[in-house]
Amino acid sequence: MRNILLLGDLHCGSTEGLWHPDFITREGQKIKISPLQEELYDKWLLLQEKLPDYEAVFLLGDITHGLGSKDFGKDVIDCDLHDQLQCAIKLLKPVTKGKKVVVITGSRYHSSIDYDIDRGLAEVLHAKFGGAISNIRLKGTDVVINIAHGIGSRPIYTGTRMNQDVFNAILTEHLLKMPEVSVIIRAHFHIFSYFAIYGKHYIYIPGWNTIRKGRFVTRWYFRQPDIGAVLLSIDNDNNVYVKPYLFKLKSERKNIYVL
């Protein structure tokens, strides 16, 4: 069995994202994280305990949070992109050590117009940089995997987006414009969703950003994120298996102001 760990949307640097509690900024400071982030980090360690052996890791974008331009920087605990990148590396090194790693570009507003932070992450991790979208095949298998961070859509109607992508994949393959793809993987919406049809597997992976309260999420406030990762497995007959690792946060439901 060939196993691939699918990770994305860590949002290092966000007040609601994953942050290493022992990370020291280049100014020599240790940032105090919230109880919710402490619990999130505990789940990150629990994930590593639960995972079986795997040979590759796909990092599907938004590993850092950037400057928080969509919410005027109010959701950022460290606006130094160097710190965000180094903290992400500290978190990721235990899960990427000795593995084949592919890094995909995330949302531009979580990076920088002056520096490609995703490419920088790939260089530090000695990973393959896949750009915005890539087709990947593990040696010894016939399974082609298409990976990208995300595409424009609404997280409420992920099924519509997934069906459209499968239809378009079949069409372009029929027209001999694209290689035949067996698995399509996306991130961005911070939810886990999976279905298989016509021999194609479509996966939305969860993230590591907790409850969303920014002004730009009011339209789908009640669709809060899933926390975790996905293990993609391929057997000797090229059959595909999908196993999510999802975690509940106890403190997440306490988002209530008492007057």
C-alpha atoms as a PDB file:
ATOM      1  CA  MET A   1       0.000   0.000   0.000  1.00  0.00           C
ATOM      2  CA  ARG A   2       1.356   3.429  -0.990  1.00  0.00           C
ATOM      3  CA  ASN A   3       0.342   6.232   1.369  1.00  0.00           C
ATOM      4  CA  ILE A   4       0.319   9.994   0.794  1.00  0.00           C
ATOM      5  CA  LEU A   5      -0.440  12.553   3.497  1.00  0.00           C
ATOM      6  CA  LEU A   6      -2.577  15.477   2.311  1.00  0.00           C
ATOM      7  CA  LEU A   7      -2.191  18.712   4.295  1.00  0.00           C
ATOM      8  CA  GLY A   8      -3.167  22.316   3.737  1.00  0.00           C
ATOM      9  CA  ASP A   9      -4.453  25.574   5.187  1.00  0.00           C
ATOM     10  CA  LEU A  10      -2.292  25.705   8.318  1.00  0.00           C
ATOM     11  CA  HIS A  11      -2.546  29.519   8.262  1.00  0.00           C
ATOM     12  CA  CYS A  12       0.538  30.051  10.411  1.00  0.00           C
ATOM     13  CA  GLY A  13       0.391  33.640  11.617  1.00  0.00           C
ATOM     14  CA  SER A  14      -3.380  33.820  11.980  1.00  0.00           C
ATOM     15  CA  THR A  15      -5.034  34.334  15.360  1.00  0.00           C
ATOM     16  CA  GLU A  16      -7.174  31.323  14.430  1.00  0.00           C
ATOM     17  CA  GLY A  17      -4.457  29.236  12.755  1.00  0.00           C
ATOM     18  CA  LEU A  18      -1.833  26.690  13.748  1.00  0.00           C
ATOM     19  CA  TRP A  19       1.205  28.085  15.586  1.00  0.00           C
ATOM     20  CA  HIS A  20       4.064  26.342  17.365  1.00  0.00           C
ATOM     21  CA  PRO A  21       3.961  27.350  21.061  1.00  0.00           C
ATOM     22  CA  ASP A  22       7.775  27.214  21.379  1.00  0.00           C
ATOM     23  CA  PHE A  23       8.593  29.203  18.260  1.00  0.00           C
ATOM     24  CA  ILE A  24      10.877  32.207  18.819  1.00  0.00           C
ATOM     25  CA  THR A  25      10.527  35.121  16.388  1.00  0.00           C
ATOM     26  CA  ARG A  26      13.602  36.708  14.884  1.00  0.00           C
ATOM     27  CA  GLU A  27      13.073  39.549  17.363  1.00  0.00           C
ATOM     28  CA  GLY A  28      13.581  36.994  20.135  1.00  0.00           C
ATOM     29  CA  GLN A  29       9.971  36.858  21.273  1.00  0.00           C
ATOM     30  CA  LYS A  30       7.718  33.917  22.076  1.00  0.00           C
ATOM     31  CA  ILE A  31       4.131  34.678  21.094  1.00  0.00           C
ATOM     32  CA  LYS A  32       1.451  33.598  23.551  1.00  0.00           C
ATOM     33  CA  ILE A  33      -1.208  31.668  21.684  1.00  0.00           C
ATOM     34  CA  SER A  34      -4.886  31.425  22.587  1.00  0.00           C
ATOM     35  CA  PRO A  35      -6.498  28.423  24.340  1.00  0.00           C
ATOM     36  CA  LEU A  36      -8.068  27.513  21.000  1.00  0.00           C
ATOM     37  CA  GLN A  37      -4.654  27.495  19.322  1.00  0.00           C
ATOM     38  CA  GLU A  38      -3.208  25.440  22.176  1.00  0.00           C
ATOM     39  CA  GLU A  39      -5.897  22.840  21.583  1.00  0.00           C
ATOM     40  CA  LEU A  40      -5.262  23.023  17.843  1.00  0.00           C
ATOM     41  CA  TYR A  41      -1.567  22.316  18.396  1.00  0.00           C
ATOM     42  CA  ASP A  42      -2.442  19.343  20.629  1.00  0.00           C
ATOM     43  CA  LYS A  43      -4.519  17.927  17.760  1.00  0.00           C
ATOM     44  CA  TRP A  44      -1.560  18.477  15.428  1.00  0.00           C
ATOM     45  CA  LEU A  45       0.576  16.289  17.705  1.00  0.00           C
ATOM     46  CA  LEU A  46      -2.244  13.738  17.961  1.00  0.00           C
ATOM     47  CA  LEU A  47      -2.411  13.513  14.167  1.00  0.00           C
ATOM     48  CA  GLN A  48       1.253  12.552  14.050  1.00  0.00           C
ATOM     49  CA  GLU A  49       0.643   9.800  16.617  1.00  0.00           C
ATOM     50  CA  LYS A  50      -2.286   8.344  14.682  1.00  0.00           C
ATOM     51  CA  LEU A  51      -0.779   8.315  11.183  1.00  0.00           C
ATOM     52  CA  PRO A  52       0.560   5.068   9.697  1.00  0.00           C
ATOM     53  CA  ASP A  53       3.739   5.074   7.648  1.00  0.00           C
ATOM     54  CA  TYR A  54       3.555   7.186   4.481  1.00  0.00           C
ATOM     55  CA  GLU A  55       6.037   8.020   1.762  1.00  0.00           C
ATOM     56  CA  ALA A  56       4.915  11.418   0.489  1.00  0.00           C
ATOM     57  CA  VAL A  57       3.326  14.662   1.650  1.00  0.00           C
ATOM     58  CA  PHE A  58       1.327  17.060  -0.512  1.00  0.00           C
ATOM     59  CA  LEU A  59       1.138  20.585   0.953  1.00  0.00           C
ATOM     60  CA  LEU A  60      -1.852  22.207  -0.709  1.00  0.00           C
ATOM     61  CA  GLY A  61      -1.373  25.902  -0.021  1.00  0.00           C
ATOM     62  CA  ASP A  62      -2.130  28.596   2.556  1.00  0.00           C
ATOM     63  CA  ILE A  63       0.499  27.198   4.882  1.00  0.00           C
ATOM     64  CA  THR A  64       1.094  30.764   6.075  1.00  0.00           C
ATOM     65  CA  HIS A  65      -1.578  33.388   6.659  1.00  0.00           C
ATOM     66  CA  GLY A  66       0.132  36.453   5.242  1.00  0.00           C
ATOM     67  CA  LEU A  67      -0.709  39.985   6.313  1.00  0.00           C
ATOM     68  CA  GLY A  68      -4.453  39.428   6.692  1.00  0.00           C
ATOM     69  CA  SER A  69      -5.385  42.026   4.097  1.00  0.00           C
ATOM     70  CA  LYS A  70      -8.972  40.743   3.848  1.00  0.00           C
ATOM     71  CA  ASP A  71      -9.631  41.642   7.474  1.00  0.00           C
ATOM     72  CA  PHE A  72      -7.347  44.684   7.792  1.00  0.00           C
ATOM     73  CA  GLY A  73      -4.659  42.694   9.612  1.00  0.00           C
ATOM     74  CA  LYS A  74      -6.832  42.164  12.690  1.00  0.00           C
ATOM     75  CA  ASP A  75      -6.512  38.384  12.476  1.00  0.00           C
ATOM     76  CA  VAL A  76      -2.693  38.257  12.440  1.00  0.00           C
ATOM     77  CA  ILE A  77      -0.519  37.451  15.478  1.00  0.00           C
ATOM     78  CA  ASP A  78       2.802  38.014  13.666  1.00  0.00           C
ATOM     79  CA  CYS A  79       2.944  40.180  10.550  1.00  0.00           C
ATOM     80  CA  ASP A  80       6.545  39.190   9.753  1.00  0.00           C
ATOM     81  CA  LEU A  81       6.316  36.758   6.835  1.00  0.00           C
ATOM     82  CA  HIS A  82       9.749  35.394   7.708  1.00  0.00           C
ATOM     83  CA  ASP A  83       8.446  34.389  11.137  1.00  0.00           C
ATOM     84  CA  GLN A  84       5.327  32.813   9.631  1.00  0.00           C
ATOM     85  CA  LEU A  85       7.431  30.773   7.220  1.00  0.00           C
ATOM     86  CA  GLN A  86       9.912  29.660   9.890  1.00  0.00           C
ATOM     87  CA  CYS A  87       7.102  28.667  12.259  1.00  0.00           C
ATOM     88  CA  ALA A  88       5.476  26.630   9.471  1.00  0.00           C
ATOM     89  CA  ILE A  89       8.783  24.888   8.834  1.00  0.00           C
ATOM     90  CA  LYS A  90       9.131  24.060  12.550  1.00  0.00           C
ATOM     91  CA  LEU A  91       5.651  22.516  12.489  1.00  0.00           C
ATOM     92  CA  LEU A  92       6.159  20.636   9.228  1.00  0.00           C
ATOM     93  CA  LYS A  93       9.635  19.196   9.692  1.00  0.00           C
ATOM     94  CA  PRO A  94       8.448  16.244  11.832  1.00  0.00           C
ATOM     95  CA  VAL A  95       5.816  15.249   9.238  1.00  0.00           C
ATOM     96  CA  THR A  96       8.005  15.780   6.151  1.00  0.00           C
ATOM     97  CA  LYS A  97      11.338  14.368   7.330  1.00  0.00           C
ATOM     98  CA  GLY A  98      12.476  11.619   4.970  1.00  0.00           C
ATOM     99  CA  LYS A  99       9.368  11.987   2.778  1.00  0.00           C
ATOM    100  CA  LYS A 100       8.798  13.082  -0.798  1.00  0.00           C
ATOM    101  CA  VAL A 101       7.163  16.498  -0.563  1.00  0.00           C
ATOM    102  CA  VAL A 102       5.221  18.582  -3.073  1.00  0.00           C
ATOM    103  CA  VAL A 103       4.264  22.199  -2.335  1.00  0.00           C
ATOM    104  CA  ILE A 104       1.401  23.913  -4.165  1.00  0.00           C
ATOM    105  CA  THR A 105       0.773  27.664  -4.357  1.00  0.00           C
ATOM    106  CA  GLY A 106      -2.015  28.910  -2.104  1.00  0.00           C
ATOM    107  CA  SER A 107      -4.138  32.049  -2.223  1.00  0.00           C
ATOM    108  CA  ARG A 108      -2.067  35.060  -3.225  1.00  0.00           C
ATOM    109  CA  TYR A 109      -3.419  37.235  -0.404  1.00  0.00           C
ATOM    110  CA  HIS A 110      -1.968  34.733   2.093  1.00  0.00           C
ATOM    111  CA  SER A 111       1.471  35.193   0.562  1.00  0.00           C
ATOM    112  CA  SER A 112       3.037  38.388  -0.801  1.00  0.00           C
ATOM    113  CA  ILE A 113       3.235  40.243  -4.102  1.00  0.00           C
ATOM    114  CA  ASP A 114       6.961  40.705  -3.435  1.00  0.00           C
ATOM    115  CA  TYR A 115       7.965  37.197  -2.362  1.00  0.00           C
ATOM    116  CA  ASP A 116       6.695  33.759  -3.357  1.00  0.00           C
ATOM    117  CA  ILE A 117       6.450  32.262   0.119  1.00  0.00           C
ATOM    118  CA  ASP A 118       5.228  28.875  -1.180  1.00  0.00           C
ATOM    119  CA  ARG A 119       8.296  28.486  -3.385  1.00  0.00           C
ATOM    120  CA  GLY A 120      10.435  29.519  -0.424  1.00  0.00           C
ATOM    121  CA  LEU A 121       8.794  26.814   1.683  1.00  0.00           C
ATOM    122  CA  ALA A 122       9.509  24.226  -1.012  1.00  0.00           C
ATOM    123  CA  GLU A 123      13.180  25.225  -1.172  1.00  0.00           C
ATOM    124  CA  VAL A 124      13.681  24.957   2.596  1.00  0.00           C
ATOM    125  CA  LEU A 125      11.937  21.559   2.749  1.00  0.00           C
ATOM    126  CA  HIS A 126      13.851  20.335  -0.345  1.00  0.00           C
ATOM    127  CA  ALA A 127      10.470  19.696  -1.926  1.00  0.00           C
ATOM    128  CA  LYS A 128       9.138  19.828  -5.454  1.00  0.00           C
ATOM    129  CA  PHE A 129       7.364  23.115  -6.126  1.00  0.00           C
ATOM    130  CA  GLY A 130       4.225  22.335  -8.109  1.00  0.00           C
ATOM    131  CA  GLY A 131       3.061  25.881  -8.845  1.00  0.00           C
ATOM    132  CA  ALA A 132      -0.660  26.552  -8.955  1.00  0.00           C
ATOM    133  CA  ILE A 133      -1.635  23.099 -10.264  1.00  0.00           C
ATOM    134  CA  SER A 134       0.190  19.840 -10.968  1.00  0.00           C
ATOM    135  CA  ASN A 135      -0.375  16.285 -12.147  1.00  0.00           C
ATOM    136  CA  ILE A 136       1.624  13.741 -10.140  1.00  0.00           C
ATOM    137  CA  ARG A 137       2.110   9.983 -10.405  1.00  0.00           C
ATOM    138  CA  LEU A 138       3.906   7.837  -7.846  1.00  0.00           C
ATOM    139  CA  LYS A 139       6.484   5.523  -9.393  1.00  0.00           C
ATOM    140  CA  GLY A 140       5.158   1.993  -9.689  1.00  0.00           C
ATOM    141  CA  THR A 141       1.510   3.070  -9.969  1.00  0.00           C
ATOM    142  CA  ASP A 142      -0.778   4.117 -12.814  1.00  0.00           C
ATOM    143  CA  VAL A 143      -2.703   6.606 -10.669  1.00  0.00           C
ATOM    144  CA  VAL A 144      -2.376  10.234 -11.785  1.00  0.00           C
ATOM    145  CA  ILE A 145      -3.241  12.780  -9.079  1.00  0.00           C
ATOM    146  CA  ASN A 146      -4.245  16.351  -9.899  1.00  0.00           C
ATOM    147  CA  ILE A 147      -3.566  18.802  -7.064  1.00  0.00           C
ATOM    148  CA  ALA A 148      -4.287  22.508  -6.635  1.00  0.00           C
ATOM    149  CA  HIS A 149      -5.125  24.785  -3.741  1.00  0.00           C
ATOM    150  CA  GLY A 150      -8.620  25.812  -4.743  1.00  0.00           C
ATOM    151  CA  ILE A 151     -10.925  27.374  -7.265  1.00  0.00           C
ATOM    152  CA  GLY A 152     -13.582  30.021  -7.135  1.00  0.00           C
ATOM    153  CA  SER A 153     -16.814  28.697  -5.671  1.00  0.00           C
ATOM    154  CA  ARG A 154     -18.897  28.803  -2.500  1.00  0.00           C
ATOM    155  CA  PRO A 155     -18.124  26.320   0.294  1.00  0.00           C
ATOM    156  CA  ILE A 156     -21.847  25.719   0.777  1.00  0.00           C
ATOM    157  CA  TYR A 157     -22.160  24.094  -2.658  1.00  0.00           C
ATOM    158  CA  THR A 158     -18.977  22.039  -2.907  1.00  0.00           C
ATOM    159  CA  GLY A 159     -20.826  19.164  -4.591  1.00  0.00           C
ATOM    160  CA  THR A 160     -21.610  21.374  -7.586  1.00  0.00           C
ATOM    161  CA  ARG A 161     -17.970  22.380  -7.953  1.00  0.00           C
ATOM    162  CA  MET A 162     -16.763  18.806  -7.592  1.00  0.00           C
ATOM    163  CA  ASN A 163     -19.140  17.500 -10.257  1.00  0.00           C
ATOM    164  CA  GLN A 164     -18.136  20.281 -12.641  1.00  0.00           C
ATOM    165  CA  ASP A 165     -14.465  19.445 -12.240  1.00  0.00           C
ATOM    166  CA  VAL A 166     -15.049  15.737 -12.857  1.00  0.00           C
ATOM    167  CA  PHE A 167     -17.117  16.504 -15.969  1.00  0.00           C
ATOM    168  CA  ASN A 168     -14.444  18.868 -17.303  1.00  0.00           C
ATOM    169  CA  ALA A 169     -11.700  16.331 -16.594  1.00  0.00           C
ATOM    170  CA  ILE A 170     -13.540  13.633 -18.554  1.00  0.00           C
ATOM    171  CA  LEU A 171     -14.161  16.063 -21.418  1.00  0.00           C
ATOM    172  CA  THR A 172     -10.545  17.237 -21.722  1.00  0.00           C
ATOM    173  CA  GLU A 173      -9.267  13.661 -21.503  1.00  0.00           C
ATOM    174  CA  HIS A 174     -11.663  12.643 -24.283  1.00  0.00           C
ATOM    175  CA  LEU A 175     -10.335  15.489 -26.434  1.00  0.00           C
ATOM    176  CA  LEU A 176      -6.769  14.296 -25.693  1.00  0.00           C
ATOM    177  CA  LYS A 177      -5.827  17.654 -24.214  1.00  0.00           C
ATOM    178  CA  MET A 178      -5.018  16.381 -20.714  1.00  0.00           C
ATOM    179  CA  PRO A 179      -3.645  13.169 -19.184  1.00  0.00           C
ATOM    180  CA  GLU A 180      -6.162  10.815 -17.621  1.00  0.00           C
ATOM    181  CA  VAL A 181      -6.547  11.792 -13.975  1.00  0.00           C
ATOM    182  CA  SER A 182      -7.714   9.347 -11.297  1.00  0.00           C
ATOM    183  CA  VAL A 183      -7.718  11.640  -8.249  1.00  0.00           C
ATOM    184  CA  ILE A 184      -8.499  15.365  -7.935  1.00  0.00           C
ATOM    185  CA  ILE A 185      -7.489  17.052  -4.669  1.00  0.00           C
ATOM    186  CA  ARG A 186      -8.357  20.562  -3.522  1.00  0.00           C
ATOM    187  CA  ALA A 187      -8.058  22.581  -0.305  1.00  0.00           C
ATOM    188  CA  HIS A 188      -9.058  26.222   0.406  1.00  0.00           C
ATOM    189  CA  PHE A 189     -12.524  25.668   1.939  1.00  0.00           C
ATOM    190  CA  HIS A 190     -11.206  24.046   5.144  1.00  0.00           C
ATOM    191  CA  ILE A 191     -13.708  21.193   4.895  1.00  0.00           C
ATOM    192  CA  PHE A 192     -13.490  17.472   4.253  1.00  0.00           C
ATOM    193  CA  SER A 193     -15.605  16.216   1.390  1.00  0.00           C
ATOM    194  CA  TYR A 194     -15.131  13.169  -0.821  1.00  0.00           C
ATOM    195  CA  PHE A 195     -16.920  11.333  -3.560  1.00  0.00           C
ATOM    196  CA  ALA A 196     -16.053   8.954  -6.391  1.00  0.00           C
ATOM    197  CA  ILE A 197     -17.762   8.643  -9.762  1.00  0.00           C
ATOM    198  CA  TYR A 198     -16.796   7.381 -13.230  1.00  0.00           C
ATOM    199  CA  GLY A 199     -13.507   6.057 -11.876  1.00  0.00           C
ATOM    200  CA  LYS A 200     -12.474   9.444 -10.504  1.00  0.00           C
ATOM    201  CA  HIS A 201     -11.981  10.365  -6.862  1.00  0.00           C
ATOM    202  CA  TYR A 202     -12.523  13.947  -5.718  1.00  0.00           C
ATOM    203  CA  ILE A 203     -11.267  15.118  -2.321  1.00  0.00           C
ATOM    204  CA  TYR A 204     -11.548  18.401  -0.465  1.00  0.00           C
ATOM    205  CA  ILE A 205      -9.141  18.297   2.452  1.00  0.00           C
ATOM    206  CA  PRO A 206      -9.720  19.903   5.876  1.00  0.00           C
ATOM    207  CA  GLY A 207      -7.479  22.627   7.276  1.00  0.00           C
ATOM    208  CA  TRP A 208      -5.976  23.891  10.512  1.00  0.00           C
ATOM    209  CA  ASN A 209      -7.731  27.222  10.889  1.00  0.00           C
ATOM    210  CA  THR A 210     -10.347  27.315  13.646  1.00  0.00           C
ATOM    211  CA  ILE A 211     -13.684  29.091  13.889  1.00  0.00           C
ATOM    212  CA  ARG A 212     -14.045  31.880  11.339  1.00  0.00           C
ATOM    213  CA  LYS A 213     -15.418  35.224  12.481  1.00  0.00           C
ATOM    214  CA  GLY A 214     -14.086  37.723   9.937  1.00  0.00           C
ATOM    215  CA  ARG A 215     -16.462  40.022   8.088  1.00  0.00           C
ATOM    216  CA  PHE A 216     -15.904  38.219   4.786  1.00  0.00           C
ATOM    217  CA  VAL A 217     -17.297  34.883   6.080  1.00  0.00           C
ATOM    218  CA  THR A 218     -20.672  36.138   7.295  1.00  0.00           C
ATOM    219  CA  ARG A 219     -22.375  34.618   4.248  1.00  0.00           C
ATOM    220  CA  TRP A 220     -21.385  31.129   5.342  1.00  0.00           C
ATOM    221  CA  TYR A 221     -20.828  31.643   9.070  1.00  0.00           C
ATOM    222  CA  PHE A 222     -22.647  28.422   9.965  1.00  0.00           C
ATOM    223  CA  ARG A 223     -20.340  26.361   7.754  1.00  0.00           C
ATOM    224  CA  GLN A 224     -17.384  26.297  10.125  1.00  0.00           C
ATOM    225  CA  PRO A 225     -14.164  24.489   9.212  1.00  0.00           C
ATOM    226  CA  ASP A 226     -13.149  20.868   9.596  1.00  0.00           C
ATOM    227  CA  ILE A 227      -9.808  20.284  11.328  1.00  0.00           C
ATOM    228  CA  GLY A 228      -7.417  17.569  10.220  1.00  0.00           C
ATOM    229  CA  ALA A 229      -5.767  15.838   7.279  1.00  0.00           C
ATOM    230  CA  VAL A 230      -6.381  13.061   4.763  1.00  0.00           C
ATOM    231  CA  LEU A 231      -4.405   9.928   3.979  1.00  0.00           C
ATOM    232  CA  LEU A 232      -4.584   8.846   0.333  1.00  0.00           C
ATOM    233  CA  SER A 233      -3.675   5.201  -0.264  1.00  0.00           C
ATOM    234  CA  ILE A 234      -3.038   3.259  -3.482  1.00  0.00           C
ATOM    235  CA  ASP A 235      -2.793  -0.533  -3.546  1.00  0.00           C
ATOM    236  CA  ASN A 236      -0.947  -2.813  -5.980  1.00  0.00           C
ATOM    237  CA  ASP A 237      -4.001  -2.933  -8.266  1.00  0.00           C
ATOM    238  CA  ASN A 238      -4.210   0.887  -8.437  1.00  0.00           C
ATOM    239  CA  ASN A 239      -7.297   0.997  -6.243  1.00  0.00           C
ATOM    240  CA  VAL A 240      -7.648   4.267  -4.344  1.00  0.00           C
ATOM    241  CA  TYR A 241      -8.607   4.598  -0.666  1.00  0.00           C
ATOM    242  CA  VAL A 242      -9.325   7.794   1.250  1.00  0.00           C
ATOM    243  CA  LYS A 243      -9.119   8.069   5.040  1.00  0.00           C
ATOM    244  CA  PRO A 244      -9.781  11.385   6.813  1.00  0.00           C
ATOM    245  CA  TYR A 245      -8.276  12.244  10.183  1.00  0.00           C
ATOM    246  CA  LEU A 246     -10.700  14.751  11.700  1.00  0.00           C
ATOM    247  CA  PHE A 247     -10.581  16.398  15.114  1.00  0.00           C
ATOM    248  CA  LYS A 248     -13.123  18.263  17.228  1.00  0.00           C
ATOM    249  CA  LEU A 249     -12.070  21.233  19.342  1.00  0.00           C
ATOM    250  CA  LYS A 250     -13.786  21.443  22.739  1.00  0.00           C
ATOM    251  CA  SER A 251     -13.287  25.186  23.082  1.00  0.00           C
ATOM    252  CA  GLU A 252     -14.619  25.937  19.605  1.00  0.00           C
ATOM    253  CA  ARG A 253     -18.259  26.041  20.727  1.00  0.00           C
ATOM    254  CA  LYS A 254     -17.640  28.787  23.287  1.00  0.00           C
ATOM    255  CA  ASN A 255     -17.900  31.580  20.753  1.00  0.00           C
ATOM    256  CA  ILE A 256     -20.576  33.391  22.799  1.00  0.00           C
ATOM    257  CA  TYR A 257     -20.526  36.821  24.380  1.00  0.00           C
ATOM    258  CA  VAL A 258     -22.241  36.826  27.777  1.00  0.00           C
ATOM    259  CA  LEU A 259     -23.521  40.247  28.902  1.00  0.00           C
END
